[in-house]
Amino acid sequence: MTEKLKIKLSIADRVYPLTVDMSQEEGLRSASKKIDLMIKQFEENYAVRDKQDVLAMCALQFASQLEQKQLDNSIDGSETVARLKKINDLLIQYLDK
C-alpha cells in the first residue's frame, strides 16, 4: 500500500489541500508552479482582469500542447514501421535457415 501525503498547493492565489501518493507530489508541485508562471505571463502580456479567464487560457494552452504531442507521435510512426520491417526481415531470414 502506498503512503499518502497531505499537501497544500497554491494556484492563482488560492490554496488547495490535497491528499496524494508520495510518487505524485513532485509532479503536482511542478505543475502548480508551471500554472502560476503561465498565469503571470498571461496577466503581463494581455489585458486580462478575471482569474477565470486566465485559468481557462492556461487550460487551453496545456491541453493544446498535449494534443499536439499526441498528434506528432501518431504522425511520426515511420520510425516504428521501419523497425518493424527490419524485425520482420530478420525473422524471415531466420525461419528460412
PDB file of N, CA and C in Angstrom:
ATOM      1  N   MET A   1       0.850  -1.183   0.000  1.00  0.00           N
ATOM      2  CA  MET A   1       0.000   0.000   0.000  1.00  0.00           C
ATOM      3  C   MET A   1       0.891   1.240   0.000  1.00  0.00           C
ATOM      4  N   THR A   2       0.573   2.206  -0.859  1.00  0.00           N
ATOM      5  CA  THR A   2       1.389   3.401  -0.941  1.00  0.00           C
ATOM      6  C   THR A   2       0.991   4.393   0.149  1.00  0.00           C
ATOM      7  N   GLU A   3       2.010   5.082   0.614  1.00  0.00           N
ATOM      8  CA  GLU A   3       1.790   6.057   1.682  1.00  0.00           C
ATOM      9  C   GLU A   3       1.245   7.351   1.093  1.00  0.00           C
ATOM     10  N   LYS A   4       0.272   7.953   1.751  1.00  0.00           N
ATOM     11  CA  LYS A   4      -0.360   9.192   1.296  1.00  0.00           C
ATOM     12  C   LYS A   4       0.243  10.384   2.030  1.00  0.00           C
ATOM     13  N   LEU A   5       0.324  11.488   1.307  1.00  0.00           N
ATOM     14  CA  LEU A   5       0.808  12.746   1.865  1.00  0.00           C
ATOM     15  C   LEU A   5      -0.293  13.786   1.788  1.00  0.00           C
ATOM     16  N   LYS A   6      -0.362  14.630   2.784  1.00  0.00           N
ATOM     17  CA  LYS A   6      -1.274  15.761   2.740  1.00  0.00           C
ATOM     18  C   LYS A   6      -0.434  16.978   2.373  1.00  0.00           C
ATOM     19  N   ILE A   7      -0.756  17.579   1.239  1.00  0.00           N
ATOM     20  CA  ILE A   7      -0.004  18.743   0.774  1.00  0.00           C
ATOM     21  C   ILE A   7      -0.974  19.875   0.481  1.00  0.00           C
ATOM     22  N   LYS A   8      -0.427  21.067   0.384  1.00  0.00           N
ATOM     23  CA  LYS A   8      -1.209  22.235   0.004  1.00  0.00           C
ATOM     24  C   LYS A   8      -0.538  22.864  -1.205  1.00  0.00           C
ATOM     25  N   LEU A   9      -1.314  23.030  -2.270  1.00  0.00           N
ATOM     26  CA  LEU A   9      -0.810  23.674  -3.479  1.00  0.00           C
ATOM     27  C   LEU A   9      -1.499  25.011  -3.653  1.00  0.00           C
ATOM     28  N   SER A  10      -0.721  25.991  -4.062  1.00  0.00           N
ATOM     29  CA  SER A  10      -1.275  27.307  -4.326  1.00  0.00           C
ATOM     30  C   SER A  10      -1.325  27.519  -5.836  1.00  0.00           C
ATOM     31  N   ILE A  11      -2.530  27.779  -6.323  1.00  0.00           N
ATOM     32  CA  ILE A  11      -2.721  28.058  -7.745  1.00  0.00           C
ATOM     33  C   ILE A  11      -3.613  29.290  -7.847  1.00  0.00           C
ATOM     34  N   ALA A  12      -3.139  30.295  -8.550  1.00  0.00           N
ATOM     35  CA  ALA A  12      -3.897  31.539  -8.755  1.00  0.00           C
ATOM     36  C   ALA A  12      -4.336  32.147  -7.428  1.00  0.00           C
ATOM     37  N   ASP A  13      -3.416  32.201  -6.503  1.00  0.00           N
ATOM     38  CA  ASP A  13      -3.640  32.813  -5.186  1.00  0.00           C
ATOM     39  C   ASP A  13      -4.698  32.102  -4.349  1.00  0.00           C
ATOM     40  N   ARG A  14      -4.950  30.834  -4.651  1.00  0.00           N
ATOM     41  CA  ARG A  14      -5.855  30.029  -3.826  1.00  0.00           C
ATOM     42  C   ARG A  14      -5.113  28.773  -3.405  1.00  0.00           C
ATOM     43  N   VAL A  15      -5.373  28.339  -2.186  1.00  0.00           N
ATOM     44  CA  VAL A  15      -4.699  27.158  -1.639  1.00  0.00           C
ATOM     45  C   VAL A  15      -5.639  25.958  -1.759  1.00  0.00           C
ATOM     46  N   TYR A  16      -5.066  24.873  -2.275  1.00  0.00           N
ATOM     47  CA  TYR A  16      -5.832  23.644  -2.453  1.00  0.00           C
ATOM     48  C   TYR A  16      -5.173  22.526  -1.644  1.00  0.00           C
ATOM     49  N   PRO A  17      -5.832  22.074  -0.585  1.00  0.00           N
ATOM     50  CA  PRO A  17      -5.292  20.943   0.183  1.00  0.00           C
ATOM     51  C   PRO A  17      -5.598  19.641  -0.566  1.00  0.00           C
ATOM     52  N   LEU A  18      -4.593  18.800  -0.696  1.00  0.00           N
ATOM     53  CA  LEU A  18      -4.740  17.535  -1.411  1.00  0.00           C
ATOM     54  C   LEU A  18      -4.126  16.399  -0.610  1.00  0.00           C
ATOM     55  N   THR A  19      -4.661  15.218  -0.778  1.00  0.00           N
ATOM     56  CA  THR A  19      -4.051  14.006  -0.255  1.00  0.00           C
ATOM     57  C   THR A  19      -3.616  13.192  -1.473  1.00  0.00           C
ATOM     58  N   VAL A  20      -2.306  12.966  -1.589  1.00  0.00           N
ATOM     59  CA  VAL A  20      -1.753  12.347  -2.795  1.00  0.00           C
ATOM     60  C   VAL A  20      -0.771  11.243  -2.428  1.00  0.00           C
ATOM     61  N   ASP A  21      -0.489  10.384  -3.402  1.00  0.00           N
ATOM     62  CA  ASP A  21       0.580   9.404  -3.240  1.00  0.00           C
ATOM     63  C   ASP A  21       1.916  10.135  -3.230  1.00  0.00           C
ATOM     64  N   MET A  22       2.874   9.583  -2.509  1.00  0.00           N
ATOM     65  CA  MET A  22       4.200  10.197  -2.453  1.00  0.00           C
ATOM     66  C   MET A  22       4.792  10.368  -3.855  1.00  0.00           C
ATOM     67  N   SER A  23       4.512   9.410  -4.735  1.00  0.00           N
ATOM     68  CA  SER A  23       5.065   9.448  -6.086  1.00  0.00           C
ATOM     69  C   SER A  23       4.482  10.592  -6.925  1.00  0.00           C
ATOM     70  N   GLN A  24       3.355  11.151  -6.519  1.00  0.00           N
ATOM     71  CA  GLN A  24       2.716  12.228  -7.262  1.00  0.00           C
ATOM     72  C   GLN A  24       3.128  13.617  -6.800  1.00  0.00           C
ATOM     73  N   GLU A  25       3.701  13.711  -5.632  1.00  0.00           N
ATOM     74  CA  GLU A  25       3.956  15.029  -5.036  1.00  0.00           C
ATOM     75  C   GLU A  25       4.809  15.929  -5.927  1.00  0.00           C
ATOM     76  N   GLU A  26       5.923  15.438  -6.369  1.00  0.00           N
ATOM     77  CA  GLU A  26       6.841  16.273  -7.159  1.00  0.00           C
ATOM     78  C   GLU A  26       6.178  16.772  -8.440  1.00  0.00           C
ATOM     79  N   GLY A  27       5.460  15.882  -9.124  1.00  0.00           N
ATOM     80  CA  GLY A  27       4.792  16.268 -10.362  1.00  0.00           C
ATOM     81  C   GLY A  27       3.716  17.314 -10.130  1.00  0.00           C
ATOM     82  N   LEU A  28       2.954  17.161  -9.055  1.00  0.00           N
ATOM     83  CA  LEU A  28       1.911  18.134  -8.747  1.00  0.00           C
ATOM     84  C   LEU A  28       2.494  19.495  -8.387  1.00  0.00           C
ATOM     85  N   ARG A  29       3.554  19.490  -7.605  1.00  0.00           N
ATOM     86  CA  ARG A  29       4.179  20.767  -7.242  1.00  0.00           C
ATOM     87  C   ARG A  29       4.758  21.462  -8.472  1.00  0.00           C
ATOM     88  N   SER A  30       5.372  20.685  -9.352  1.00  0.00           N
ATOM     89  CA  SER A  30       5.921  21.240 -10.582  1.00  0.00           C
ATOM     90  C   SER A  30       4.809  21.800 -11.468  1.00  0.00           C
ATOM     91  N   ALA A  31       3.719  21.074 -11.588  1.00  0.00           N
ATOM     92  CA  ALA A  31       2.589  21.539 -12.388  1.00  0.00           C
ATOM     93  C   ALA A  31       2.007  22.829 -11.818  1.00  0.00           C
ATOM     94  N   SER A  32       1.908  22.898 -10.497  1.00  0.00           N
ATOM     95  CA  SER A  32       1.394  24.094  -9.842  1.00  0.00           C
ATOM     96  C   SER A  32       2.261  25.311 -10.160  1.00  0.00           C
ATOM     97  N   LYS A  33       3.576  25.115 -10.118  1.00  0.00           N
ATOM     98  CA  LYS A  33       4.492  26.218 -10.437  1.00  0.00           C
ATOM     99  C   LYS A  33       4.366  26.642 -11.892  1.00  0.00           C
ATOM    100  N   LYS A  34       4.217  25.673 -12.789  1.00  0.00           N
ATOM    101  CA  LYS A  34       4.069  25.994 -14.214  1.00  0.00           C
ATOM    102  C   LYS A  34       2.780  26.768 -14.470  1.00  0.00           C
ATOM    103  N   ILE A  35       1.715  26.375 -13.804  1.00  0.00           N
ATOM    104  CA  ILE A  35       0.444  27.080 -13.962  1.00  0.00           C
ATOM    105  C   ILE A  35       0.583  28.520 -13.478  1.00  0.00           C
ATOM    106  N   ASP A  36       1.179  28.717 -12.304  1.00  0.00           N
ATOM    107  CA  ASP A  36       1.347  30.074 -11.784  1.00  0.00           C
ATOM    108  C   ASP A  36       2.238  30.926 -12.689  1.00  0.00           C
ATOM    109  N   LEU A  37       3.272  30.319 -13.267  1.00  0.00           N
ATOM    110  CA  LEU A  37       4.140  31.044 -14.193  1.00  0.00           C
ATOM    111  C   LEU A  37       3.368  31.446 -15.445  1.00  0.00           C
ATOM    112  N   MET A  38       2.557  30.536 -15.955  1.00  0.00           N
ATOM    113  CA  MET A  38       1.768  30.836 -17.146  1.00  0.00           C
ATOM    114  C   MET A  38       0.735  31.916 -16.848  1.00  0.00           C
ATOM    115  N   ILE A  39       0.128  31.862 -15.668  1.00  0.00           N
ATOM    116  CA  ILE A  39      -0.828  32.896 -15.260  1.00  0.00           C
ATOM    117  C   ILE A  39      -0.143  34.255 -15.270  1.00  0.00           C
ATOM    118  N   LYS A  40       1.034  34.313 -14.701  1.00  0.00           N
ATOM    119  CA  LYS A  40       1.785  35.569 -14.645  1.00  0.00           C
ATOM    120  C   LYS A  40       2.075  36.090 -16.047  1.00  0.00           C
ATOM    121  N   GLN A  41       2.466  35.193 -16.952  1.00  0.00           N
ATOM    122  CA  GLN A  41       2.758  35.602 -18.328  1.00  0.00           C
ATOM    123  C   GLN A  41       1.515  36.130 -19.031  1.00  0.00           C
ATOM    124  N   PHE A  42       0.380  35.449 -18.863  1.00  0.00           N
ATOM    125  CA  PHE A  42      -0.854  35.922 -19.474  1.00  0.00           C
ATOM    126  C   PHE A  42      -1.257  37.284 -18.920  1.00  0.00           C
ATOM    127  N   GLU A  43      -1.125  37.463 -17.609  1.00  0.00           N
ATOM    128  CA  GLU A  43      -1.510  38.736 -16.993  1.00  0.00           C
ATOM    129  C   GLU A  43      -0.593  39.873 -17.446  1.00  0.00           C
ATOM    130  N   GLU A  44       0.680  39.572 -17.667  1.00  0.00           N
ATOM    131  CA  GLU A  44       1.615  40.608 -18.109  1.00  0.00           C
ATOM    132  C   GLU A  44       1.433  40.963 -19.579  1.00  0.00           C
ATOM    133  N   ASN A  45       1.107  39.976 -20.405  1.00  0.00           N
ATOM    134  CA  ASN A  45       1.057  40.194 -21.849  1.00  0.00           C
ATOM    135  C   ASN A  45      -0.314  40.568 -22.386  1.00  0.00           C
ATOM    136  N   TYR A  46      -1.357  40.298 -21.646  1.00  0.00           N
ATOM    137  CA  TYR A  46      -2.711  40.574 -22.114  1.00  0.00           C
ATOM    138  C   TYR A  46      -3.485  41.305 -21.035  1.00  0.00           C
ATOM    139  N   ALA A  47      -4.447  42.077 -21.457  1.00  0.00           N
ATOM    140  CA  ALA A  47      -5.271  42.835 -20.506  1.00  0.00           C
ATOM    141  C   ALA A  47      -6.376  41.925 -19.965  1.00  0.00           C
ATOM    142  N   VAL A  48      -5.980  41.001 -19.123  1.00  0.00           N
ATOM    143  CA  VAL A  48      -6.930  40.054 -18.549  1.00  0.00           C
ATOM    144  C   VAL A  48      -7.118  40.407 -17.079  1.00  0.00           C
ATOM    145  N   ARG A  49      -8.371  40.616 -16.717  1.00  0.00           N
ATOM    146  CA  ARG A  49      -8.642  41.010 -15.331  1.00  0.00           C
ATOM    147  C   ARG A  49      -9.225  39.876 -14.499  1.00  0.00           C
ATOM    148  N   ASP A  50      -9.867  38.956 -15.152  1.00  0.00           N
ATOM    149  CA  ASP A  50     -10.577  37.894 -14.449  1.00  0.00           C
ATOM    150  C   ASP A  50      -9.701  36.642 -14.370  1.00  0.00           C
ATOM    151  N   LYS A  51      -9.501  36.130 -13.159  1.00  0.00           N
ATOM    152  CA  LYS A  51      -8.688  34.920 -12.965  1.00  0.00           C
ATOM    153  C   LYS A  51      -9.268  33.732 -13.710  1.00  0.00           C
ATOM    154  N   GLN A  52     -10.581  33.663 -13.805  1.00  0.00           N
ATOM    155  CA  GLN A  52     -11.208  32.546 -14.508  1.00  0.00           C
ATOM    156  C   GLN A  52     -10.807  32.548 -15.983  1.00  0.00           C
ATOM    157  N   ASP A  53     -10.737  33.721 -16.594  1.00  0.00           N
ATOM    158  CA  ASP A  53     -10.308  33.804 -17.991  1.00  0.00           C
ATOM    159  C   ASP A  53      -8.856  33.353 -18.135  1.00  0.00           C
ATOM    160  N   VAL A  54      -8.020  33.775 -17.201  1.00  0.00           N
ATOM    161  CA  VAL A  54      -6.600  33.392 -17.246  1.00  0.00           C
ATOM    162  C   VAL A  54      -6.460  31.882 -17.062  1.00  0.00           C
ATOM    163  N   LEU A  55      -7.202  31.318 -16.119  1.00  0.00           N
ATOM    164  CA  LEU A  55      -7.146  29.870 -15.896  1.00  0.00           C
ATOM    165  C   LEU A  55      -7.659  29.101 -17.107  1.00  0.00           C
ATOM    166  N   ALA A  56      -8.690  29.632 -17.764  1.00  0.00           N
ATOM    167  CA  ALA A  56      -9.200  28.985 -18.976  1.00  0.00           C
ATOM    168  C   ALA A  56      -8.132  28.997 -20.075  1.00  0.00           C
ATOM    169  N   MET A  57      -7.428  30.089 -20.207  1.00  0.00           N
ATOM    170  CA  MET A  57      -6.365  30.180 -21.213  1.00  0.00           C
ATOM    171  C   MET A  57      -5.214  29.226 -20.873  1.00  0.00           C
ATOM    172  N   CYS A  58      -4.899  29.092 -19.591  1.00  0.00           N
ATOM    173  CA  CYS A  58      -3.869  28.133 -19.170  1.00  0.00           C
ATOM    174  C   CYS A  58      -4.300  26.709 -19.506  1.00  0.00           C
ATOM    175  N   ALA A  59      -5.540  26.384 -19.208  1.00  0.00           N
ATOM    176  CA  ALA A  59      -6.051  25.041 -19.509  1.00  0.00           C
ATOM    177  C   ALA A  59      -5.990  24.777 -21.007  1.00  0.00           C
ATOM    178  N   LEU A  60      -6.380  25.769 -21.804  1.00  0.00           N
ATOM    179  CA  LEU A  60      -6.327  25.619 -23.255  1.00  0.00           C
ATOM    180  C   LEU A  60      -4.893  25.417 -23.732  1.00  0.00           C
ATOM    181  N   GLN A  61      -3.968  26.160 -23.179  1.00  0.00           N
ATOM    182  CA  GLN A  61      -2.551  26.055 -23.559  1.00  0.00           C
ATOM    183  C   GLN A  61      -2.008  24.663 -23.248  1.00  0.00           C
ATOM    184  N   PHE A  62      -2.248  24.190 -22.030  1.00  0.00           N
ATOM    185  CA  PHE A  62      -1.751  22.859 -21.652  1.00  0.00           C
ATOM    186  C   PHE A  62      -2.418  21.760 -22.475  1.00  0.00           C
ATOM    187  N   ALA A  63      -3.723  21.867 -22.686  1.00  0.00           N
ATOM    188  CA  ALA A  63      -4.439  20.853 -23.463  1.00  0.00           C
ATOM    189  C   ALA A  63      -3.959  20.833 -24.906  1.00  0.00           C
ATOM    190  N   SER A  64      -3.722  22.002 -25.485  1.00  0.00           N
ATOM    191  CA  SER A  64      -3.261  22.039 -26.881  1.00  0.00           C
ATOM    192  C   SER A  64      -1.851  21.474 -27.003  1.00  0.00           C
ATOM    193  N   GLN A  65      -1.001  21.701 -26.005  1.00  0.00           N
ATOM    194  CA  GLN A  65       0.346  21.113 -26.029  1.00  0.00           C
ATOM    195  C   GLN A  65       0.268  19.592 -25.974  1.00  0.00           C
ATOM    196  N   LEU A  66      -0.599  19.073 -25.130  1.00  0.00           N
ATOM    197  CA  LEU A  66      -0.773  17.627 -25.019  1.00  0.00           C
ATOM    198  C   LEU A  66      -1.303  17.045 -26.325  1.00  0.00           C
ATOM    199  N   GLU A  67      -2.311  17.684 -26.897  1.00  0.00           N
ATOM    200  CA  GLU A  67      -2.879  17.213 -28.155  1.00  0.00           C
ATOM    201  C   GLU A  67      -1.843  17.237 -29.268  1.00  0.00           C
ATOM    202  N   GLN A  68      -1.036  18.299 -29.318  1.00  0.00           N
ATOM    203  CA  GLN A  68      -0.021  18.408 -30.368  1.00  0.00           C
ATOM    204  C   GLN A  68       1.015  17.300 -30.234  1.00  0.00           C
ATOM    205  N   LYS A  69       1.415  16.991 -29.000  1.00  0.00           N
ATOM    206  CA  LYS A  69       2.370  15.890 -28.787  1.00  0.00           C
ATOM    207  C   LYS A  69       1.784  14.565 -29.237  1.00  0.00           C
ATOM    208  N   GLN A  70       0.496  14.343 -28.949  1.00  0.00           N
ATOM    209  CA  GLN A  70      -0.144  13.101 -29.373  1.00  0.00           C
ATOM    210  C   GLN A  70      -0.244  13.030 -30.889  1.00  0.00           C
ATOM    211  N   LEU A  71      -0.550  14.159 -31.531  1.00  0.00           N
ATOM    212  CA  LEU A  71      -0.605  14.184 -32.992  1.00  0.00           C
ATOM    213  C   LEU A  71       0.771  13.940 -33.595  1.00  0.00           C
ATOM    214  N   ASP A  72       1.785  14.568 -33.019  1.00  0.00           N
ATOM    215  CA  ASP A  72       3.151  14.377 -33.514  1.00  0.00           C
ATOM    216  C   ASP A  72       3.573  12.926 -33.396  1.00  0.00           C
ATOM    217  N   ASN A  73       3.216  12.287 -32.281  1.00  0.00           N
ATOM    218  CA  ASN A  73       3.578  10.880 -32.080  1.00  0.00           C
ATOM    219  C   ASN A  73       2.842   9.968 -33.053  1.00  0.00           C
ATOM    220  N   SER A  74       1.597  10.264 -33.349  1.00  0.00           N
ATOM    221  CA  SER A  74       0.841   9.400 -34.262  1.00  0.00           C
ATOM    222  C   SER A  74       1.286   9.598 -35.698  1.00  0.00           C
ATOM    223  N   ILE A  75       1.675  10.803 -36.059  1.00  0.00           N
ATOM    224  CA  ILE A  75       2.135  11.072 -37.423  1.00  0.00           C
ATOM    225  C   ILE A  75       3.516  10.487 -37.643  1.00  0.00           C
ATOM    226  N   ASP A  76       4.361  10.576 -36.645  1.00  0.00           N
ATOM    227  CA  ASP A  76       5.745  10.130 -36.797  1.00  0.00           C
ATOM    228  C   ASP A  76       5.867   8.640 -36.478  1.00  0.00           C
ATOM    229  N   GLY A  77       5.069   7.826 -37.150  1.00  0.00           N
ATOM    230  CA  GLY A  77       5.136   6.388 -36.969  1.00  0.00           C
ATOM    231  C   GLY A  77       6.089   5.732 -37.952  1.00  0.00           C
ATOM    232  N   SER A  78       6.732   6.539 -38.795  1.00  0.00           N
ATOM    233  CA  SER A  78       7.612   5.975 -39.819  1.00  0.00           C
ATOM    234  C   SER A  78       8.791   5.232 -39.201  1.00  0.00           C
ATOM    235  N   GLU A  79       9.300   5.737 -38.104  1.00  0.00           N
ATOM    236  CA  GLU A  79      10.421   5.059 -37.438  1.00  0.00           C
ATOM    237  C   GLU A  79       9.973   3.707 -36.893  1.00  0.00           C
ATOM    238  N   THR A  80       8.798   3.659 -36.333  1.00  0.00           N
ATOM    239  CA  THR A  80       8.266   2.400 -35.808  1.00  0.00           C
ATOM    240  C   THR A  80       8.049   1.397 -36.939  1.00  0.00           C
ATOM    241  N   VAL A  81       7.496   1.865 -38.045  1.00  0.00           N
ATOM    242  CA  VAL A  81       7.263   0.989 -39.192  1.00  0.00           C
ATOM    243  C   VAL A  81       8.592   0.444 -39.714  1.00  0.00           C
ATOM    244  N   ALA A  82       9.613   1.275 -39.790  1.00  0.00           N
ATOM    245  CA  ALA A  82      10.925   0.839 -40.264  1.00  0.00           C
ATOM    246  C   ALA A  82      11.514  -0.218 -39.333  1.00  0.00           C
ATOM    247  N   ARG A  83      11.363  -0.018 -38.038  1.00  0.00           N
ATOM    248  CA  ARG A  83      11.873  -1.006 -37.074  1.00  0.00           C
ATOM    249  C   ARG A  83      11.140  -2.339 -37.202  1.00  0.00           C
ATOM    250  N   LEU A  84       9.820  -2.271 -37.351  1.00  0.00           N
ATOM    251  CA  LEU A  84       9.033  -3.492 -37.503  1.00  0.00           C
ATOM    252  C   LEU A  84       9.411  -4.228 -38.788  1.00  0.00           C
ATOM    253  N   LYS A  85       9.656  -3.483 -39.843  1.00  0.00           N
ATOM    254  CA  LYS A  85      10.058  -4.103 -41.109  1.00  0.00           C
ATOM    255  C   LYS A  85      11.401  -4.811 -40.950  1.00  0.00           C
ATOM    256  N   LYS A  86      12.315  -4.166 -40.245  1.00  0.00           N
ATOM    257  CA  LYS A  86      13.630  -4.763 -40.019  1.00  0.00           C
ATOM    258  C   LYS A  86      13.506  -6.050 -39.202  1.00  0.00           C
ATOM    259  N   ILE A  87      12.693  -6.011 -38.164  1.00  0.00           N
ATOM    260  CA  ILE A  87      12.478  -7.203 -37.340  1.00  0.00           C
ATOM    261  C   ILE A  87      11.841  -8.313 -38.175  1.00  0.00           C
ATOM    262  N   ASN A  88      10.871  -7.941 -38.999  1.00  0.00           N
ATOM    263  CA  ASN A  88      10.208  -8.915 -39.856  1.00  0.00           C
ATOM    264  C   ASN A  88      11.202  -9.555 -40.828  1.00  0.00           C
ATOM    265  N   ASP A  89      12.065  -8.746 -41.416  1.00  0.00           N
ATOM    266  CA  ASP A  89      13.085  -9.270 -42.325  1.00  0.00           C
ATOM    267  C   ASP A  89      14.031 -10.236 -41.609  1.00  0.00           C
ATOM    268  N   LEU A  90      14.416  -9.900 -40.396  1.00  0.00           N
ATOM    269  CA  LEU A  90      15.294 -10.784 -39.612  1.00  0.00           C
ATOM    270  C   LEU A  90      14.597 -12.095 -39.292  1.00  0.00           C
ATOM    271  N   LEU A  91      13.311 -12.027 -38.968  1.00  0.00           N
ATOM    272  CA  LEU A  91      12.548 -13.246 -38.684  1.00  0.00           C
ATOM    273  C   LEU A  91      12.438 -14.133 -39.925  1.00  0.00           C
ATOM    274  N   ILE A  92      12.195 -13.513 -41.060  1.00  0.00           N
ATOM    275  CA  ILE A  92      12.103 -14.280 -42.307  1.00  0.00           C
ATOM    276  C   ILE A  92      13.430 -14.966 -42.605  1.00  0.00           C
ATOM    277  N   GLN A  93      14.531 -14.226 -42.437  1.00  0.00           N
ATOM    278  CA  GLN A  93      15.860 -14.807 -42.675  1.00  0.00           C
ATOM    279  C   GLN A  93      16.112 -15.975 -41.723  1.00  0.00           C
ATOM    280  N   TYR A  94      15.740 -15.829 -40.488  1.00  0.00           N
ATOM    281  CA  TYR A  94      15.954 -16.876 -39.501  1.00  0.00           C
ATOM    282  C   TYR A  94      15.120 -18.120 -39.819  1.00  0.00           C
ATOM    283  N   LEU A  95      13.875 -17.903 -40.191  1.00  0.00           N
ATOM    284  CA  LEU A  95      12.990 -19.023 -40.486  1.00  0.00           C
ATOM    285  C   LEU A  95      13.350 -19.736 -41.783  1.00  0.00           C
ATOM    286  N   ASP A  96      13.989 -19.049 -42.707  1.00  0.00           N
ATOM    287  CA  ASP A  96      14.403 -19.666 -43.970  1.00  0.00           C
ATOM    288  C   ASP A  96      15.604 -20.584 -43.791  1.00  0.00           C
ATOM    289  N   LYS A  97      16.316 -20.462 -42.702  1.00  0.00           N
ATOM    290  CA  LYS A  97      17.516 -21.299 -42.485  1.00  0.00           C
ATOM    291  C   LYS A  97      17.172 -22.692 -42.106  1.00  0.00           C
TER     292      LYS A  97
END
